[in-house]
Amino acid sequence: MQYSQQIVLKNGSIAVLRNGVEAHGSAVLENFNRTHAETDYLLLYSDENSFDAEQEGRLCSVGINRGG
């Protein structure tokens, strides 16, 4: 299922919420590492991630191809 929605934020700017694609793998990995380094309340620490950018990209594309 493809998903794309534009959301107007409080400051008037527009955010687009959409499915991830394989090309987003490095950005997803960077976001994971950054957010997991900022708090102790997530399941893993940033240095405990075993995925690389290519694997993250494949995970992004799986959601689209699942059909659900």
PDB file of N, CA and C in Angstrom:
ATOM      1  N   MET A   1       0.840  -1.168   0.000  1.00  0.00           N
ATOM      2  CA  MET A   1       0.000   0.000   0.000  1.00  0.00           C
ATOM      3  C   MET A   1       0.892   1.241   0.000  1.00  0.00           C
ATOM      4  N   GLN A   2       0.614   2.154  -0.867  1.00  0.00           N
ATOM      5  CA  GLN A   2       1.335   3.420  -0.916  1.00  0.00           C
ATOM      6  C   GLN A   2       0.616   4.426  -0.031  1.00  0.00           C
ATOM      7  N   TYR A   3       1.372   5.194   0.742  1.00  0.00           N
ATOM      8  CA  TYR A   3       0.778   6.177   1.628  1.00  0.00           C
ATOM      9  C   TYR A   3       1.492   7.498   1.447  1.00  0.00           C
ATOM     10  N   SER A   4       0.740   8.567   1.277  1.00  0.00           N
ATOM     11  CA  SER A   4       1.307   9.900   1.194  1.00  0.00           C
ATOM     12  C   SER A   4       0.258  10.901   1.666  1.00  0.00           C
ATOM     13  N   GLN A   5       0.625  11.711   2.652  1.00  0.00           N
ATOM     14  CA  GLN A   5      -0.294  12.708   3.169  1.00  0.00           C
ATOM     15  C   GLN A   5       0.483  13.968   3.522  1.00  0.00           C
ATOM     16  N   GLN A   6      -0.052  15.117   3.146  1.00  0.00           N
ATOM     17  CA  GLN A   6       0.541  16.386   3.527  1.00  0.00           C
ATOM     18  C   GLN A   6      -0.137  16.864   4.803  1.00  0.00           C
ATOM     19  N   ILE A   7       0.681  17.314   5.746  1.00  0.00           N
ATOM     20  CA  ILE A   7       0.180  17.776   7.035  1.00  0.00           C
ATOM     21  C   ILE A   7       0.664  19.208   7.239  1.00  0.00           C
ATOM     22  N   VAL A   8      -0.251  20.104   7.580  1.00  0.00           N
ATOM     23  CA  VAL A   8       0.112  21.490   7.866  1.00  0.00           C
ATOM     24  C   VAL A   8       0.486  21.579   9.339  1.00  0.00           C
ATOM     25  N   LEU A   9       1.703  22.023   9.594  1.00  0.00           N
ATOM     26  CA  LEU A   9       2.201  22.138  10.966  1.00  0.00           C
ATOM     27  C   LEU A   9       1.736  23.440  11.602  1.00  0.00           C
ATOM     28  N   LYS A  10       1.898  23.569  12.906  1.00  0.00           N
ATOM     29  CA  LYS A  10       1.451  24.761  13.633  1.00  0.00           C
ATOM     30  C   LYS A  10       2.082  26.041  13.094  1.00  0.00           C
ATOM     31  N   ASN A  11       3.322  25.939  12.601  1.00  0.00           N
ATOM     32  CA  ASN A  11       3.998  27.128  12.098  1.00  0.00           C
ATOM     33  C   ASN A  11       3.651  27.420  10.635  1.00  0.00           C
ATOM     34  N   GLY A  12       2.737  26.635  10.048  1.00  0.00           N
ATOM     35  CA  GLY A  12       2.286  26.867   8.677  1.00  0.00           C
ATOM     36  C   GLY A  12       3.057  26.114   7.615  1.00  0.00           C
ATOM     37  N   SER A  13       4.183  25.520   7.976  1.00  0.00           N
ATOM     38  CA  SER A  13       4.928  24.748   6.982  1.00  0.00           C
ATOM     39  C   SER A  13       4.261  23.395   6.765  1.00  0.00           C
ATOM     40  N   ILE A  14       4.601  22.764   5.648  1.00  0.00           N
ATOM     41  CA  ILE A  14       3.979  21.493   5.278  1.00  0.00           C
ATOM     42  C   ILE A  14       4.973  20.360   5.455  1.00  0.00           C
ATOM     43  N   ALA A  15       4.516  19.300   6.109  1.00  0.00           N
ATOM     44  CA  ALA A  15       5.302  18.074   6.258  1.00  0.00           C
ATOM     45  C   ALA A  15       4.610  16.993   5.435  1.00  0.00           C
ATOM     46  N   VAL A  16       5.399  16.152   4.784  1.00  0.00           N
ATOM     47  CA  VAL A  16       4.840  15.065   3.996  1.00  0.00           C
ATOM     48  C   VAL A  16       5.128  13.749   4.718  1.00  0.00           C
ATOM     49  N   LEU A  17       4.077  13.028   5.043  1.00  0.00           N
ATOM     50  CA  LEU A  17       4.186  11.718   5.662  1.00  0.00           C
ATOM     51  C   LEU A  17       3.963  10.688   4.569  1.00  0.00           C
ATOM     52  N   ARG A  18       4.967   9.841   4.313  1.00  0.00           N
ATOM     53  CA  ARG A  18       4.869   8.888   3.204  1.00  0.00           C
ATOM     54  C   ARG A  18       5.667   7.635   3.507  1.00  0.00           C
ATOM     55  N   ASN A  19       5.465   6.618   2.677  1.00  0.00           N
ATOM     56  CA  ASN A  19       6.220   5.378   2.801  1.00  0.00           C
ATOM     57  C   ASN A  19       7.701   5.642   2.571  1.00  0.00           C
ATOM     58  N   GLY A  20       8.521   4.853   3.230  1.00  0.00           N
ATOM     59  CA  GLY A  20       9.943   4.894   2.960  1.00  0.00           C
ATOM     60  C   GLY A  20      10.269   4.062   1.723  1.00  0.00           C
ATOM     61  N   VAL A  21      11.354   4.406   1.079  1.00  0.00           N
ATOM     62  CA  VAL A  21      11.841   3.633  -0.071  1.00  0.00           C
ATOM     63  C   VAL A  21      13.296   3.265   0.187  1.00  0.00           C
ATOM     64  N   GLU A  22      13.818   2.366  -0.604  1.00  0.00           N
ATOM     65  CA  GLU A  22      15.166   1.848  -0.382  1.00  0.00           C
ATOM     66  C   GLU A  22      16.222   2.954  -0.335  1.00  0.00           C
ATOM     67  N   ALA A  23      16.025   4.007  -1.114  1.00  0.00           N
ATOM     68  CA  ALA A  23      16.986   5.115  -1.151  1.00  0.00           C
ATOM     69  C   ALA A  23      17.063   5.872   0.179  1.00  0.00           C
ATOM     70  N   HIS A  24      16.096   5.679   1.063  1.00  0.00           N
ATOM     71  CA  HIS A  24      16.080   6.361   2.356  1.00  0.00           C
ATOM     72  C   HIS A  24      16.900   5.639   3.420  1.00  0.00           C
ATOM     73  N   GLY A  25      17.537   4.533   3.067  1.00  0.00           N
ATOM     74  CA  GLY A  25      18.238   3.712   4.050  1.00  0.00           C
ATOM     75  C   GLY A  25      19.254   4.464   4.887  1.00  0.00           C
ATOM     76  N   SER A  26      20.086   5.288   4.269  1.00  0.00           N
ATOM     77  CA  SER A  26      21.119   5.993   5.037  1.00  0.00           C
ATOM     78  C   SER A  26      20.502   7.046   5.952  1.00  0.00           C
ATOM     79  N   ALA A  27      19.428   7.707   5.511  1.00  0.00           N
ATOM     80  CA  ALA A  27      18.757   8.699   6.361  1.00  0.00           C
ATOM     81  C   ALA A  27      18.068   8.028   7.540  1.00  0.00           C
ATOM     82  N   VAL A  28      17.477   6.859   7.306  1.00  0.00           N
ATOM     83  CA  VAL A  28      16.831   6.110   8.391  1.00  0.00           C
ATOM     84  C   VAL A  28      17.874   5.688   9.424  1.00  0.00           C
ATOM     85  N   LEU A  29      19.006   5.205   8.948  1.00  0.00           N
ATOM     86  CA  LEU A  29      20.081   4.787   9.854  1.00  0.00           C
ATOM     87  C   LEU A  29      20.610   5.979  10.656  1.00  0.00           C
ATOM     88  N   GLU A  30      20.795   7.111  10.004  1.00  0.00           N
ATOM     89  CA  GLU A  30      21.269   8.304  10.702  1.00  0.00           C
ATOM     90  C   GLU A  30      20.261   8.748  11.771  1.00  0.00           C
ATOM     91  N   ASN A  31      18.975   8.720  11.418  1.00  0.00           N
ATOM     92  CA  ASN A  31      17.927   9.086  12.374  1.00  0.00           C
ATOM     93  C   ASN A  31      17.899   8.114  13.555  1.00  0.00           C
ATOM     94  N   PHE A  32      18.015   6.823  13.278  1.00  0.00           N
ATOM     95  CA  PHE A  32      18.052   5.817  14.346  1.00  0.00           C
ATOM     96  C   PHE A  32      19.204   6.111  15.300  1.00  0.00           C
ATOM     97  N   ASN A  33      20.394   6.294  14.755  1.00  0.00           N
ATOM     98  CA  ASN A  33      21.572   6.520  15.601  1.00  0.00           C
ATOM     99  C   ASN A  33      21.446   7.801  16.409  1.00  0.00           C
ATOM    100  N   ARG A  34      20.931   8.846  15.792  1.00  0.00           N
ATOM    101  CA  ARG A  34      20.805  10.132  16.484  1.00  0.00           C
ATOM    102  C   ARG A  34      19.778  10.042  17.618  1.00  0.00           C
ATOM    103  N   THR A  35      18.607   9.488  17.337  1.00  0.00           N
ATOM    104  CA  THR A  35      17.568   9.435  18.365  1.00  0.00           C
ATOM    105  C   THR A  35      17.911   8.463  19.480  1.00  0.00           C
ATOM    106  N   HIS A  36      18.542   7.352  19.146  1.00  0.00           N
ATOM    107  CA  HIS A  36      18.884   6.367  20.176  1.00  0.00           C
ATOM    108  C   HIS A  36      20.053   6.813  21.044  1.00  0.00           C
ATOM    109  N   ALA A  37      20.847   7.745  20.566  1.00  0.00           N
ATOM    110  CA  ALA A  37      21.939   8.286  21.374  1.00  0.00           C
ATOM    111  C   ALA A  37      21.428   9.340  22.363  1.00  0.00           C
ATOM    112  N   GLU A  38      20.229   9.877  22.113  1.00  0.00           N
ATOM    113  CA  GLU A  38      19.703  10.970  22.928  1.00  0.00           C
ATOM    114  C   GLU A  38      18.940  10.522  24.175  1.00  0.00           C
ATOM    115  N   THR A  39      18.567   9.256  24.260  1.00  0.00           N
ATOM    116  CA  THR A  39      17.741   8.827  25.388  1.00  0.00           C
ATOM    117  C   THR A  39      18.089   7.408  25.824  1.00  0.00           C
ATOM    118  N   ASP A  40      17.820   7.120  27.060  1.00  0.00           N
ATOM    119  CA  ASP A  40      18.006   5.771  27.598  1.00  0.00           C
ATOM    120  C   ASP A  40      16.703   4.985  27.598  1.00  0.00           C
ATOM    121  N   TYR A  41      15.625   5.575  27.108  1.00  0.00           N
ATOM    122  CA  TYR A  41      14.309   4.955  27.211  1.00  0.00           C
ATOM    123  C   TYR A  41      13.876   4.218  25.943  1.00  0.00           C
ATOM    124  N   LEU A  42      14.777   3.908  25.056  1.00  0.00           N
ATOM    125  CA  LEU A  42      14.485   3.110  23.868  1.00  0.00           C
ATOM    126  C   LEU A  42      15.080   1.721  24.048  1.00  0.00           C
ATOM    127  N   LEU A  43      14.604   0.776  23.280  1.00  0.00           N
ATOM    128  CA  LEU A  43      15.002  -0.620  23.465  1.00  0.00           C
ATOM    129  C   LEU A  43      16.503  -0.833  23.251  1.00  0.00           C
ATOM    130  N   LEU A  44      17.088  -0.156  22.268  1.00  0.00           N
ATOM    131  CA  LEU A  44      18.511  -0.313  21.955  1.00  0.00           C
ATOM    132  C   LEU A  44      19.245   1.007  22.101  1.00  0.00           C
ATOM    133  N   TYR A  45      20.525   0.934  22.365  1.00  0.00           N
ATOM    134  CA  TYR A  45      21.393   2.104  22.284  1.00  0.00           C
ATOM    135  C   TYR A  45      21.889   2.225  20.849  1.00  0.00           C
ATOM    136  N   SER A  46      22.358   3.394  20.461  1.00  0.00           N
ATOM    137  CA  SER A  46      22.767   3.621  19.074  1.00  0.00           C
ATOM    138  C   SER A  46      23.887   2.674  18.638  1.00  0.00           C
ATOM    139  N   ASP A  47      24.774   2.290  19.557  1.00  0.00           N
ATOM    140  CA  ASP A  47      25.885   1.410  19.185  1.00  0.00           C
ATOM    141  C   ASP A  47      25.485  -0.068  19.149  1.00  0.00           C
ATOM    142  N   GLU A  48      24.236  -0.388  19.459  1.00  0.00           N
ATOM    143  CA  GLU A  48      23.767  -1.773  19.437  1.00  0.00           C
ATOM    144  C   GLU A  48      23.038  -2.141  18.140  1.00  0.00           C
ATOM    145  N   ASN A  49      22.929  -1.211  17.216  1.00  0.00           N
ATOM    146  CA  ASN A  49      22.263  -1.476  15.944  1.00  0.00           C
ATOM    147  C   ASN A  49      23.162  -2.348  15.071  1.00  0.00           C
ATOM    148  N   SER A  50      22.614  -3.421  14.533  1.00  0.00           N
ATOM    149  CA  SER A  50      23.413  -4.322  13.700  1.00  0.00           C
ATOM    150  C   SER A  50      23.167  -4.118  12.210  1.00  0.00           C
ATOM    151  N   PHE A  51      22.294  -3.172  11.840  1.00  0.00           N
ATOM    152  CA  PHE A  51      22.006  -2.918  10.429  1.00  0.00           C
ATOM    153  C   PHE A  51      22.924  -1.852   9.860  1.00  0.00           C
ATOM    154  N   ASP A  52      23.223  -1.963   8.556  1.00  0.00           N
ATOM    155  CA  ASP A  52      23.913  -0.883   7.859  1.00  0.00           C
ATOM    156  C   ASP A  52      22.893  -0.163   6.981  1.00  0.00           C
ATOM    157  N   ALA A  53      23.314   0.887   6.263  1.00  0.00           N
ATOM    158  CA  ALA A  53      22.397   1.691   5.453  1.00  0.00           C
ATOM    159  C   ALA A  53      21.705   0.866   4.374  1.00  0.00           C
ATOM    160  N   GLU A  54      22.409  -0.072   3.779  1.00  0.00           N
ATOM    161  CA  GLU A  54      21.817  -0.913   2.731  1.00  0.00           C
ATOM    162  C   GLU A  54      20.705  -1.795   3.295  1.00  0.00           C
ATOM    163  N   GLN A  55      20.940  -2.381   4.454  1.00  0.00           N
ATOM    164  CA  GLN A  55      19.924  -3.224   5.087  1.00  0.00           C
ATOM    165  C   GLN A  55      18.710  -2.397   5.518  1.00  0.00           C
ATOM    166  N   GLU A  56      18.947  -1.204   6.043  1.00  0.00           N
ATOM    167  CA  GLU A  56      17.835  -0.321   6.415  1.00  0.00           C
ATOM    168  C   GLU A  56      17.001   0.015   5.182  1.00  0.00           C
ATOM    169  N   GLY A  57      17.670   0.267   4.055  1.00  0.00           N
ATOM    170  CA  GLY A  57      16.965   0.564   2.816  1.00  0.00           C
ATOM    171  C   GLY A  57      16.083  -0.588   2.376  1.00  0.00           C
ATOM    172  N   ARG A  58      16.600  -1.807   2.490  1.00  0.00           N
ATOM    173  CA  ARG A  58      15.790  -2.969   2.137  1.00  0.00           C
ATOM    174  C   ARG A  58      14.568  -3.087   3.047  1.00  0.00           C
ATOM    175  N   LEU A  59      14.732  -2.794   4.325  1.00  0.00           N
ATOM    176  CA  LEU A  59      13.591  -2.830   5.245  1.00  0.00           C
ATOM    177  C   LEU A  59      12.544  -1.780   4.882  1.00  0.00           C
ATOM    178  N   CYS A  60      12.980  -0.619   4.427  1.00  0.00           N
ATOM    179  CA  CYS A  60      12.042   0.421   3.997  1.00  0.00           C
ATOM    180  C   CYS A  60      11.205  -0.052   2.812  1.00  0.00           C
ATOM    181  N   SER A  61      11.842  -0.717   1.870  1.00  0.00           N
ATOM    182  CA  SER A  61      11.121  -1.143   0.667  1.00  0.00           C
ATOM    183  C   SER A  61      10.221  -2.345   0.925  1.00  0.00           C
ATOM    184  N   VAL A  62      10.494  -3.137   1.954  1.00  0.00           N
ATOM    185  CA  VAL A  62       9.669  -4.306   2.269  1.00  0.00           C
ATOM    186  C   VAL A  62       8.246  -3.878   2.626  1.00  0.00           C
ATOM    187  N   GLY A  63       8.096  -2.803   3.374  1.00  0.00           N
ATOM    188  CA  GLY A  63       6.777  -2.347   3.777  1.00  0.00           C
ATOM    189  C   GLY A  63       5.886  -2.026   2.583  1.00  0.00           C
ATOM    190  N   ILE A  64       6.469  -1.493   1.532  1.00  0.00           N
ATOM    191  CA  ILE A  64       5.704  -1.152   0.331  1.00  0.00           C
ATOM    192  C   ILE A  64       5.317  -2.423  -0.409  1.00  0.00           C
ATOM    193  N   ASN A  65       6.231  -3.362  -0.503  1.00  0.00           N
ATOM    194  CA  ASN A  65       5.996  -4.564  -1.294  1.00  0.00           C
ATOM    195  C   ASN A  65       5.164  -5.618  -0.589  1.00  0.00           C
ATOM    196  N   ARG A  66       4.905  -5.441   0.704  1.00  0.00           N
ATOM    197  CA  ARG A  66       4.120  -6.397   1.473  1.00  0.00           C
ATOM    198  C   ARG A  66       2.660  -6.411   1.041  1.00  0.00           C
ATOM    199  N   GLY A  67       2.196  -5.273   0.537  1.00  0.00           N
ATOM    200  CA  GLY A  67       0.815  -5.191   0.107  1.00  0.00           C
ATOM    201  C   GLY A  67      -0.170  -5.006   1.244  1.00  0.00           C
ATOM    202  N   GLY A  68       0.299  -4.751   2.437  1.00  0.00           N
ATOM    203  CA  GLY A  68      -0.610  -4.650   3.570  1.00  0.00           C
ATOM    204  C   GLY A  68      -0.587  -3.338   4.165  1.00  0.00           C
TER     205      GLY A  68
END
